[in-house]
C-alpha cells in the first residue's frame, strides 16, 4: 500500500466485545460514543467514555472490553511519520475538532494534499487530557493477588485486615505496598476500581441502584457518594455531560462519506511494513 500517516475507521458492536491482550506495529488512538471502553494497558486500567480517547504507542500490549451498542472509533498512526510522541499510554482530549478531523480522514475520496492538510491539524490538536481516568496497577508481588481478585470482582468486600491474614502478612505492609505502588490507599484503590466498572455498567443501561448493589454497596446513596469522591460528580451528571448536545452535534458534522470497512483498515494495519 502507499505510505500513509493516519488510517481511521469506526464500527458499532451490538454486543459487549472483548479483546485479548495484543499489540500493533502502529500507534493507535481509540475513542467511543454511546458507551465506554475499559482497557488494561501495560500497568494501568483506563476507562474511555465520550469526550476522551486513549493513545496506545506501537508495541504496547493492551486488551479491553467494549460495552454493547457503542460506536467504536480507532485511528492508526505510522510511527515513522508521526511527529507527536507520548511517554506511554495516554488519555487524550477528544475535542469536536479532533474527532471531526479523524472522521474526515476515514474518507476514501481525499487526495494526498487534502489528507496531508487534515493530518497536520490533527497533530496540532492531539493533546493529553487534563482529566484522565486511569488506575495504576500495583505491580508488587506482595499485593498483586489482591489487585487481580478485585479486577475479577470489584464487589469483593474483604477488608484490608482479612486480606493481610489470607496472605500471611500485616495490614501495615499491605497499606504501605498499595500507597507506594499506586499512590492510593487500599480502600481508595478499590473504590476507584469500582467506579471504573460502574461506568461500564451504567453505559450498558443499568440503573444506579442496581449498579450500586452489583458493586457491593448496601445503599444507593453510599455508591453515589463514592462515585462523587472519585469523579467529582454524580453518575447522572457525568453521563449528561459526556453526551451533551454540543459535543454530539459537533461530532456529527464530521463527514461519513466514503468510509472503508473496518476489516480493510485492520488488513492495512496488519500488513504495513516498517519501511
C-alpha atoms as a PDB file:
ATOM      1  CA  UNK A   1       0.000   0.000   0.000  1.00  0.00           C
ATOM      2  CA  UNK A   2       1.051   3.628  -0.417  1.00  0.00           C
ATOM      3  CA  UNK A   3       2.742   5.368   2.522  1.00  0.00           C
ATOM      4  CA  UNK A   4       0.250   6.807   4.993  1.00  0.00           C
ATOM      5  CA  UNK A   5       0.211   8.724   8.242  1.00  0.00           C
ATOM      6  CA  UNK A   6      -3.275   8.116   9.671  1.00  0.00           C
ATOM      7  CA  UNK A   7      -5.841   5.378   8.964  1.00  0.00           C
ATOM      8  CA  UNK A   8      -9.193   5.931  10.663  1.00  0.00           C
ATOM      9  CA  UNK A   9     -12.440   3.942  10.922  1.00  0.00           C
ATOM     10  CA  UNK A  10     -15.385   3.081  13.148  1.00  0.00           C
ATOM     11  CA  UNK A  11     -17.925   0.348  13.741  1.00  0.00           C
ATOM     12  CA  UNK A  12     -20.866  -0.405  16.036  1.00  0.00           C
ATOM     13  CA  UNK A  13     -20.886  -3.521  18.183  1.00  0.00           C
ATOM     14  CA  UNK A  14     -24.304  -4.947  19.006  1.00  0.00           C
ATOM     15  CA  UNK A  15     -22.941  -6.992  21.903  1.00  0.00           C
ATOM     16  CA  UNK A  16     -20.226  -6.466  24.513  1.00  0.00           C
ATOM     17  CA  UNK A  17     -16.878  -7.079  22.839  1.00  0.00           C
ATOM     18  CA  UNK A  18     -13.629  -8.146  24.464  1.00  0.00           C
ATOM     19  CA  UNK A  19     -10.114  -8.094  23.068  1.00  0.00           C
ATOM     20  CA  UNK A  20      -7.433 -10.392  24.423  1.00  0.00           C
ATOM     21  CA  UNK A  21      -4.068  -8.736  25.116  1.00  0.00           C
ATOM     22  CA  UNK A  22      -2.357  -7.910  21.813  1.00  0.00           C
ATOM     23  CA  UNK A  23      -0.084  -5.354  20.165  1.00  0.00           C
ATOM     24  CA  UNK A  24       0.029  -3.314  16.940  1.00  0.00           C
ATOM     25  CA  UNK A  25       3.027  -2.196  14.883  1.00  0.00           C
ATOM     26  CA  UNK A  26       1.406   1.265  14.742  1.00  0.00           C
ATOM     27  CA  UNK A  27       0.358   3.857  17.299  1.00  0.00           C
ATOM     28  CA  UNK A  28      -3.380   3.574  17.993  1.00  0.00           C
ATOM     29  CA  UNK A  29      -5.922   6.131  19.212  1.00  0.00           C
ATOM     30  CA  UNK A  30      -9.331   4.802  20.277  1.00  0.00           C
ATOM     31  CA  UNK A  31     -12.472   6.636  21.338  1.00  0.00           C
ATOM     32  CA  UNK A  32     -16.164   5.860  21.712  1.00  0.00           C
ATOM     33  CA  UNK A  33     -19.639   7.289  21.523  1.00  0.00           C
ATOM     34  CA  UNK A  34     -22.691   5.910  23.299  1.00  0.00           C
ATOM     35  CA  UNK A  35     -20.855   3.735  25.808  1.00  0.00           C
ATOM     36  CA  UNK A  36     -17.484   3.023  27.331  1.00  0.00           C
ATOM     37  CA  UNK A  37     -14.276   1.134  26.682  1.00  0.00           C
ATOM     38  CA  UNK A  38     -12.388  -0.296  29.641  1.00  0.00           C
ATOM     39  CA  UNK A  39      -8.829  -1.148  28.686  1.00  0.00           C
ATOM     40  CA  UNK A  40      -5.910  -2.688  30.520  1.00  0.00           C
ATOM     41  CA  UNK A  41      -2.748  -1.216  29.046  1.00  0.00           C
ATOM     42  CA  UNK A  42       0.652  -2.051  30.489  1.00  0.00           C
ATOM     43  CA  UNK A  43       0.385  -1.296  34.228  1.00  0.00           C
ATOM     44  CA  UNK A  44      -2.795   0.787  34.095  1.00  0.00           C
ATOM     45  CA  UNK A  45      -6.556   0.420  33.693  1.00  0.00           C
ATOM     46  CA  UNK A  46      -8.250   3.129  31.626  1.00  0.00           C
ATOM     47  CA  UNK A  47     -11.940   3.781  31.140  1.00  0.00           C
ATOM     48  CA  UNK A  48     -12.723   5.709  27.983  1.00  0.00           C
ATOM     49  CA  UNK A  49     -16.096   7.460  27.737  1.00  0.00           C
ATOM     50  CA  UNK A  50     -17.393  10.144  25.394  1.00  0.00           C
ATOM     51  CA  UNK A  51     -15.098  13.124  25.114  1.00  0.00           C
ATOM     52  CA  UNK A  52     -11.991  11.092  25.948  1.00  0.00           C
ATOM     53  CA  UNK A  53      -9.650   8.945  23.889  1.00  0.00           C
ATOM     54  CA  UNK A  54      -6.793   6.578  24.627  1.00  0.00           C
ATOM     55  CA  UNK A  55      -3.448   6.684  22.836  1.00  0.00           C
ATOM     56  CA  UNK A  56      -1.519   3.407  22.802  1.00  0.00           C
ATOM     57  CA  UNK A  57       2.038   3.522  21.462  1.00  0.00           C
ATOM     58  CA  UNK A  58       3.146   0.944  18.916  1.00  0.00           C
ATOM     59  CA  UNK A  59       4.150  -2.346  20.501  1.00  0.00           C
ATOM     60  CA  UNK A  60       2.383  -1.795  23.840  1.00  0.00           C
ATOM     61  CA  UNK A  61       0.345  -4.788  25.000  1.00  0.00           C
ATOM     62  CA  UNK A  62      -3.301  -3.920  25.582  1.00  0.00           C
ATOM     63  CA  UNK A  63      -6.700  -5.561  25.853  1.00  0.00           C
ATOM     64  CA  UNK A  64     -10.147  -4.291  26.681  1.00  0.00           C
ATOM     65  CA  UNK A  65     -13.898  -4.562  26.839  1.00  0.00           C
ATOM     66  CA  UNK A  66     -16.388  -2.520  24.850  1.00  0.00           C
ATOM     67  CA  UNK A  67     -19.979  -2.088  26.032  1.00  0.00           C
ATOM     68  CA  UNK A  68     -22.820  -3.195  23.759  1.00  0.00           C
ATOM     69  CA  UNK A  69     -24.171  -0.729  21.224  1.00  0.00           C
ATOM     70  CA  UNK A  70     -21.222   1.632  21.459  1.00  0.00           C
ATOM     71  CA  UNK A  71     -19.809   3.274  18.352  1.00  0.00           C
ATOM     72  CA  UNK A  72     -16.124   2.466  18.461  1.00  0.00           C
ATOM     73  CA  UNK A  73     -13.562   4.540  16.615  1.00  0.00           C
ATOM     74  CA  UNK A  74      -9.888   3.921  16.107  1.00  0.00           C
ATOM     75  CA  UNK A  75      -7.130   5.636  14.211  1.00  0.00           C
ATOM     76  CA  UNK A  76      -3.736   4.139  13.441  1.00  0.00           C
ATOM     77  CA  UNK A  77      -0.646   6.325  13.082  1.00  0.00           C
ATOM     78  CA  UNK A  78       2.518   5.333  11.241  1.00  0.00           C
ATOM     79  CA  UNK A  79       5.242   5.790  13.905  1.00  0.00           C
ATOM     80  CA  UNK A  80       7.937   6.963  11.482  1.00  0.00           C
ATOM     81  CA  UNK A  81       5.631   9.667  10.094  1.00  0.00           C
ATOM     82  CA  UNK A  82       4.036  10.830  13.346  1.00  0.00           C
ATOM     83  CA  UNK A  83       5.628  13.944  14.926  1.00  0.00           C
ATOM     84  CA  UNK A  84       3.683  13.509  18.176  1.00  0.00           C
ATOM     85  CA  UNK A  85       5.260  11.469  20.959  1.00  0.00           C
ATOM     86  CA  UNK A  86       3.761  10.448  24.300  1.00  0.00           C
ATOM     87  CA  UNK A  87       5.752   8.723  27.023  1.00  0.00           C
ATOM     88  CA  UNK A  88       3.333   5.803  27.177  1.00  0.00           C
ATOM     89  CA  UNK A  89      -0.393   5.014  27.167  1.00  0.00           C
ATOM     90  CA  UNK A  90      -2.070   8.418  27.411  1.00  0.00           C
ATOM     91  CA  UNK A  91      -5.626   9.697  27.794  1.00  0.00           C
ATOM     92  CA  UNK A  92      -6.356  12.206  25.034  1.00  0.00           C
ATOM     93  CA  UNK A  93      -8.896  15.024  24.953  1.00  0.00           C
ATOM     94  CA  UNK A  94     -11.264  14.185  22.076  1.00  0.00           C
ATOM     95  CA  UNK A  95     -12.399  17.670  21.171  1.00  0.00           C
ATOM     96  CA  UNK A  96     -15.092  18.050  18.498  1.00  0.00           C
ATOM     97  CA  UNK A  97     -12.395  19.355  16.151  1.00  0.00           C
ATOM     98  CA  UNK A  98     -10.105  16.359  16.652  1.00  0.00           C
ATOM     99  CA  UNK A  99     -12.937  13.863  16.287  1.00  0.00           C
ATOM    100  CA  UNK A 100     -14.230  15.559  13.154  1.00  0.00           C
ATOM    101  CA  UNK A 101     -10.762  15.592  11.586  1.00  0.00           C
ATOM    102  CA  UNK A 102     -10.233  11.894  12.238  1.00  0.00           C
ATOM    103  CA  UNK A 103     -13.692  11.079  10.938  1.00  0.00           C
ATOM    104  CA  UNK A 104     -12.877  13.168   7.860  1.00  0.00           C
ATOM    105  CA  UNK A 105      -9.717  11.105   7.335  1.00  0.00           C
ATOM    106  CA  UNK A 106     -11.827   7.942   7.080  1.00  0.00           C
ATOM    107  CA  UNK A 107     -12.974   9.122   3.663  1.00  0.00           C
ATOM    108  CA  UNK A 108     -11.602   7.326   0.637  1.00  0.00           C
ATOM    109  CA  UNK A 109     -12.037  10.239  -1.776  1.00  0.00           C
ATOM    110  CA  UNK A 110      -9.430  12.567  -0.230  1.00  0.00           C
ATOM    111  CA  UNK A 111      -6.495  13.453  -2.428  1.00  0.00           C
ATOM    112  CA  UNK A 112      -2.972  13.482  -0.989  1.00  0.00           C
ATOM    113  CA  UNK A 113      -2.904  17.235  -0.413  1.00  0.00           C
ATOM    114  CA  UNK A 114      -6.254  17.307   1.409  1.00  0.00           C
ATOM    115  CA  UNK A 115      -5.207  14.362   3.557  1.00  0.00           C
ATOM    116  CA  UNK A 116      -1.884  15.996   4.431  1.00  0.00           C
ATOM    117  CA  UNK A 117      -3.631  19.225   5.466  1.00  0.00           C
ATOM    118  CA  UNK A 118      -6.049  17.383   7.752  1.00  0.00           C
ATOM    119  CA  UNK A 119      -3.287  15.274   9.261  1.00  0.00           C
ATOM    120  CA  UNK A 120      -1.175  18.322  10.062  1.00  0.00           C
ATOM    121  CA  UNK A 121      -4.058  19.843  12.028  1.00  0.00           C
ATOM    122  CA  UNK A 122      -4.608  16.547  13.860  1.00  0.00           C
ATOM    123  CA  UNK A 123      -1.050  16.711  15.148  1.00  0.00           C
ATOM    124  CA  UNK A 124      -1.627  20.303  16.313  1.00  0.00           C
ATOM    125  CA  UNK A 125      -4.702  19.428  18.386  1.00  0.00           C
ATOM    126  CA  UNK A 126      -3.711  15.964  19.646  1.00  0.00           C
ATOM    127  CA  UNK A 127      -3.151  16.752  23.332  1.00  0.00           C
ATOM    128  CA  UNK A 128      -3.250  14.819  26.607  1.00  0.00           C
ATOM    129  CA  UNK A 129      -6.456  15.012  28.594  1.00  0.00           C
ATOM    130  CA  UNK A 130      -6.467  17.253  31.637  1.00  0.00           C
ATOM    131  CA  UNK A 131      -8.788  14.786  33.387  1.00  0.00           C
ATOM    132  CA  UNK A 132      -7.649  11.226  32.601  1.00  0.00           C
ATOM    133  CA  UNK A 133      -9.459   8.393  34.340  1.00  0.00           C
ATOM    134  CA  UNK A 134      -6.826   5.760  34.911  1.00  0.00           C
ATOM    135  CA  UNK A 135      -5.955   3.411  37.736  1.00  0.00           C
ATOM    136  CA  UNK A 136      -2.385   2.234  38.236  1.00  0.00           C
ATOM    137  CA  UNK A 137      -1.949  -1.474  38.923  1.00  0.00           C
ATOM    138  CA  UNK A 138       0.383  -2.311  41.810  1.00  0.00           C
ATOM    139  CA  UNK A 139       2.991  -4.477  40.112  1.00  0.00           C
ATOM    140  CA  UNK A 140       4.054  -5.547  43.605  1.00  0.00           C
ATOM    141  CA  UNK A 141       4.172  -9.274  44.354  1.00  0.00           C
ATOM    142  CA  UNK A 142       3.037  -8.628  47.922  1.00  0.00           C
ATOM    143  CA  UNK A 143      -0.368  -7.307  46.799  1.00  0.00           C
ATOM    144  CA  UNK A 144      -0.818  -8.379  43.174  1.00  0.00           C
ATOM    145  CA  UNK A 145      -3.112 -11.194  44.362  1.00  0.00           C
ATOM    146  CA  UNK A 146      -5.433  -8.615  45.893  1.00  0.00           C
ATOM    147  CA  UNK A 147      -5.449  -6.461  42.771  1.00  0.00           C
ATOM    148  CA  UNK A 148      -6.177  -9.376  40.434  1.00  0.00           C
ATOM    149  CA  UNK A 149      -9.009 -10.629  42.666  1.00  0.00           C
ATOM    150  CA  UNK A 150     -10.599  -7.180  42.695  1.00  0.00           C
ATOM    151  CA  UNK A 151     -10.177  -6.775  38.936  1.00  0.00           C
ATOM    152  CA  UNK A 152     -12.108 -10.036  38.599  1.00  0.00           C
ATOM    153  CA  UNK A 153     -14.728  -8.988  41.150  1.00  0.00           C
ATOM    154  CA  UNK A 154     -14.718  -5.349  42.315  1.00  0.00           C
ATOM    155  CA  UNK A 155     -17.544  -6.167  44.737  1.00  0.00           C
ATOM    156  CA  UNK A 156     -15.218  -8.376  46.805  1.00  0.00           C
ATOM    157  CA  UNK A 157     -15.774  -6.953  50.284  1.00  0.00           C
ATOM    158  CA  UNK A 158     -12.840  -8.498  52.118  1.00  0.00           C
ATOM    159  CA  UNK A 159     -11.243  -5.915  54.350  1.00  0.00           C
ATOM    160  CA  UNK A 160      -7.587  -4.939  54.368  1.00  0.00           C
ATOM    161  CA  UNK A 161      -7.151  -6.928  57.592  1.00  0.00           C
ATOM    162  CA  UNK A 162      -8.784 -10.017  56.056  1.00  0.00           C
ATOM    163  CA  UNK A 163      -6.540  -9.813  53.006  1.00  0.00           C
ATOM    164  CA  UNK A 164      -3.470  -9.435  55.205  1.00  0.00           C
ATOM    165  CA  UNK A 165      -4.364 -12.583  57.176  1.00  0.00           C
ATOM    166  CA  UNK A 166      -5.051 -14.517  53.988  1.00  0.00           C
ATOM    167  CA  UNK A 167      -1.676 -13.519  52.533  1.00  0.00           C
ATOM    168  CA  UNK A 168       0.194 -14.118  55.769  1.00  0.00           C
ATOM    169  CA  UNK A 169       1.357 -10.549  56.165  1.00  0.00           C
ATOM    170  CA  UNK A 170       0.425  -7.482  58.170  1.00  0.00           C
ATOM    171  CA  UNK A 171      -2.211  -4.909  57.308  1.00  0.00           C
ATOM    172  CA  UNK A 172       0.515  -2.293  57.650  1.00  0.00           C
ATOM    173  CA  UNK A 173       2.557  -3.996  54.915  1.00  0.00           C
ATOM    174  CA  UNK A 174      -0.479  -4.119  52.610  1.00  0.00           C
ATOM    175  CA  UNK A 175      -1.237  -0.452  53.290  1.00  0.00           C
ATOM    176  CA  UNK A 176       2.307   0.639  52.546  1.00  0.00           C
ATOM    177  CA  UNK A 177       2.526  -1.506  49.411  1.00  0.00           C
ATOM    178  CA  UNK A 178      -0.643  -0.008  47.929  1.00  0.00           C
ATOM    179  CA  UNK A 179       0.370   3.530  48.785  1.00  0.00           C
ATOM    180  CA  UNK A 180       3.900   3.101  47.406  1.00  0.00           C
ATOM    181  CA  UNK A 181       2.949   1.341  44.151  1.00  0.00           C
ATOM    182  CA  UNK A 182      -0.310   3.102  43.248  1.00  0.00           C
ATOM    183  CA  UNK A 183      -0.338   6.359  45.209  1.00  0.00           C
ATOM    184  CA  UNK A 184      -3.632   5.305  46.796  1.00  0.00           C
ATOM    185  CA  UNK A 185      -4.686   3.548  49.949  1.00  0.00           C
ATOM    186  CA  UNK A 186      -6.245   0.089  49.640  1.00  0.00           C
ATOM    187  CA  UNK A 187      -9.761   1.465  50.131  1.00  0.00           C
ATOM    188  CA  UNK A 188      -9.192   4.310  47.642  1.00  0.00           C
ATOM    189  CA  UNK A 189      -7.825   1.894  45.052  1.00  0.00           C
ATOM    190  CA  UNK A 190     -10.798  -0.462  45.382  1.00  0.00           C
ATOM    191  CA  UNK A 191     -13.244   2.427  45.324  1.00  0.00           C
ATOM    192  CA  UNK A 192     -11.698   3.794  42.130  1.00  0.00           C
ATOM    193  CA  UNK A 193     -11.759   0.363  40.500  1.00  0.00           C
ATOM    194  CA  UNK A 194     -15.447   0.050  41.365  1.00  0.00           C
ATOM    195  CA  UNK A 195     -16.158   3.353  39.651  1.00  0.00           C
ATOM    196  CA  UNK A 196     -14.350   2.120  36.528  1.00  0.00           C
ATOM    197  CA  UNK A 197     -16.683  -0.885  36.499  1.00  0.00           C
ATOM    198  CA  UNK A 198     -19.682   1.302  37.328  1.00  0.00           C
ATOM    199  CA  UNK A 199     -19.135   3.405  34.207  1.00  0.00           C
ATOM    200  CA  UNK A 200     -19.313   0.296  32.036  1.00  0.00           C
ATOM    201  CA  UNK A 201     -22.488  -0.978  33.723  1.00  0.00           C
ATOM    202  CA  UNK A 202     -24.194   2.406  33.572  1.00  0.00           C
ATOM    203  CA  UNK A 203     -23.294   2.711  29.899  1.00  0.00           C
ATOM    204  CA  UNK A 204     -24.951  -0.675  29.305  1.00  0.00           C
ATOM    205  CA  UNK A 205     -28.217   0.673  30.715  1.00  0.00           C
ATOM    206  CA  UNK A 206     -28.088  -0.481  34.319  1.00  0.00           C
ATOM    207  CA  UNK A 207     -29.854   1.827  36.763  1.00  0.00           C
ATOM    208  CA  UNK A 208     -27.878   3.448  39.564  1.00  0.00           C
ATOM    209  CA  UNK A 209     -29.403   1.316  42.322  1.00  0.00           C
ATOM    210  CA  UNK A 210     -28.593  -1.948  40.511  1.00  0.00           C
ATOM    211  CA  UNK A 211     -25.034  -0.835  39.820  1.00  0.00           C
ATOM    212  CA  UNK A 212     -24.513   0.015  43.473  1.00  0.00           C
ATOM    213  CA  UNK A 213     -25.812  -3.392  44.541  1.00  0.00           C
ATOM    214  CA  UNK A 214     -23.686  -5.185  41.935  1.00  0.00           C
ATOM    215  CA  UNK A 215     -20.567  -3.461  43.234  1.00  0.00           C
ATOM    216  CA  UNK A 216     -21.216  -4.301  46.878  1.00  0.00           C
ATOM    217  CA  UNK A 217     -22.792  -1.099  48.195  1.00  0.00           C
ATOM    218  CA  UNK A 218     -25.610  -1.649  50.681  1.00  0.00           C
ATOM    219  CA  UNK A 219     -27.146   1.755  49.986  1.00  0.00           C
ATOM    220  CA  UNK A 220     -27.524   3.603  46.689  1.00  0.00           C
ATOM    221  CA  UNK A 221     -26.583   6.833  48.432  1.00  0.00           C
ATOM    222  CA  UNK A 222     -23.274   5.276  49.515  1.00  0.00           C
ATOM    223  CA  UNK A 223     -22.485   4.314  45.938  1.00  0.00           C
ATOM    224  CA  UNK A 224     -23.342   7.802  44.645  1.00  0.00           C
ATOM    225  CA  UNK A 225     -21.130   9.353  47.321  1.00  0.00           C
ATOM    226  CA  UNK A 226     -18.236   7.064  46.337  1.00  0.00           C
ATOM    227  CA  UNK A 227     -18.746   7.908  42.663  1.00  0.00           C
ATOM    228  CA  UNK A 228     -18.672  11.614  43.505  1.00  0.00           C
ATOM    229  CA  UNK A 229     -15.478  11.239  45.546  1.00  0.00           C
ATOM    230  CA  UNK A 230     -13.709   9.644  42.586  1.00  0.00           C
ATOM    231  CA  UNK A 231     -15.080  11.689  39.670  1.00  0.00           C
ATOM    232  CA  UNK A 232     -16.329  14.818  41.399  1.00  0.00           C
ATOM    233  CA  UNK A 233     -19.895  14.417  40.167  1.00  0.00           C
ATOM    234  CA  UNK A 234     -22.882  12.081  40.312  1.00  0.00           C
ATOM    235  CA  UNK A 235     -23.459   9.242  37.816  1.00  0.00           C
ATOM    236  CA  UNK A 236     -26.356  11.092  36.187  1.00  0.00           C
ATOM    237  CA  UNK A 237     -24.446  14.337  35.831  1.00  0.00           C
ATOM    238  CA  UNK A 238     -21.376  12.537  34.493  1.00  0.00           C
ATOM    239  CA  UNK A 239     -23.246  10.916  31.617  1.00  0.00           C
ATOM    240  CA  UNK A 240     -25.266  14.046  30.890  1.00  0.00           C
ATOM    241  CA  UNK A 241     -22.012  15.970  30.438  1.00  0.00           C
ATOM    242  CA  UNK A 242     -20.378  13.224  28.376  1.00  0.00           C
ATOM    243  CA  UNK A 243     -23.273  13.050  25.949  1.00  0.00           C
ATOM    244  CA  UNK A 244     -24.072  16.765  25.836  1.00  0.00           C
ATOM    245  CA  UNK A 245     -25.735  18.155  22.758  1.00  0.00           C
ATOM    246  CA  UNK A 246     -22.803  20.397  21.869  1.00  0.00           C
ATOM    247  CA  UNK A 247     -20.312  17.513  21.683  1.00  0.00           C
ATOM    248  CA  UNK A 248     -22.710  15.227  19.849  1.00  0.00           C
ATOM    249  CA  UNK A 249     -23.763  17.777  17.228  1.00  0.00           C
ATOM    250  CA  UNK A 250     -20.164  18.789  16.564  1.00  0.00           C
ATOM    251  CA  UNK A 251     -19.128  15.185  16.082  1.00  0.00           C
ATOM    252  CA  UNK A 252     -22.000  14.609  13.683  1.00  0.00           C
ATOM    253  CA  UNK A 253     -20.620  17.322  11.430  1.00  0.00           C
ATOM    254  CA  UNK A 254     -17.645  15.087  10.622  1.00  0.00           C
ATOM    255  CA  UNK A 255     -18.277  13.664   7.161  1.00  0.00           C
ATOM    256  CA  UNK A 256     -19.039   9.965   6.987  1.00  0.00           C
ATOM    257  CA  UNK A 257     -18.749   9.808   3.230  1.00  0.00           C
ATOM    258  CA  UNK A 258     -16.813   7.020   1.600  1.00  0.00           C
ATOM    259  CA  UNK A 259     -15.866   5.049   4.709  1.00  0.00           C
ATOM    260  CA  UNK A 260     -13.862   1.853   4.421  1.00  0.00           C
ATOM    261  CA  UNK A 261     -14.977  -1.344   6.100  1.00  0.00           C
ATOM    262  CA  UNK A 262     -13.182  -1.832   9.402  1.00  0.00           C
ATOM    263  CA  UNK A 263     -11.701  -5.047   8.023  1.00  0.00           C
ATOM    264  CA  UNK A 264      -9.951  -3.005   5.365  1.00  0.00           C
ATOM    265  CA  UNK A 265      -8.239  -0.860   7.961  1.00  0.00           C
ATOM    266  CA  UNK A 266      -7.314  -3.886  10.037  1.00  0.00           C
ATOM    267  CA  UNK A 267      -5.831  -5.581   6.990  1.00  0.00           C
ATOM    268  CA  UNK A 268      -3.853  -2.476   6.173  1.00  0.00           C
ATOM    269  CA  UNK A 269      -2.567  -2.300   9.738  1.00  0.00           C
ATOM    270  CA  UNK A 270      -1.547  -5.932   9.876  1.00  0.00           C
ATOM    271  CA  UNK A 271       0.171  -5.703   6.525  1.00  0.00           C
ATOM    272  CA  UNK A 272       2.002  -2.433   6.992  1.00  0.00           C
ATOM    273  CA  UNK A 273       5.751  -2.562   6.575  1.00  0.00           C
ATOM    274  CA  UNK A 274       8.208  -0.832   8.836  1.00  0.00           C
ATOM    275  CA  UNK A 275       9.822   0.988   5.939  1.00  0.00           C
END
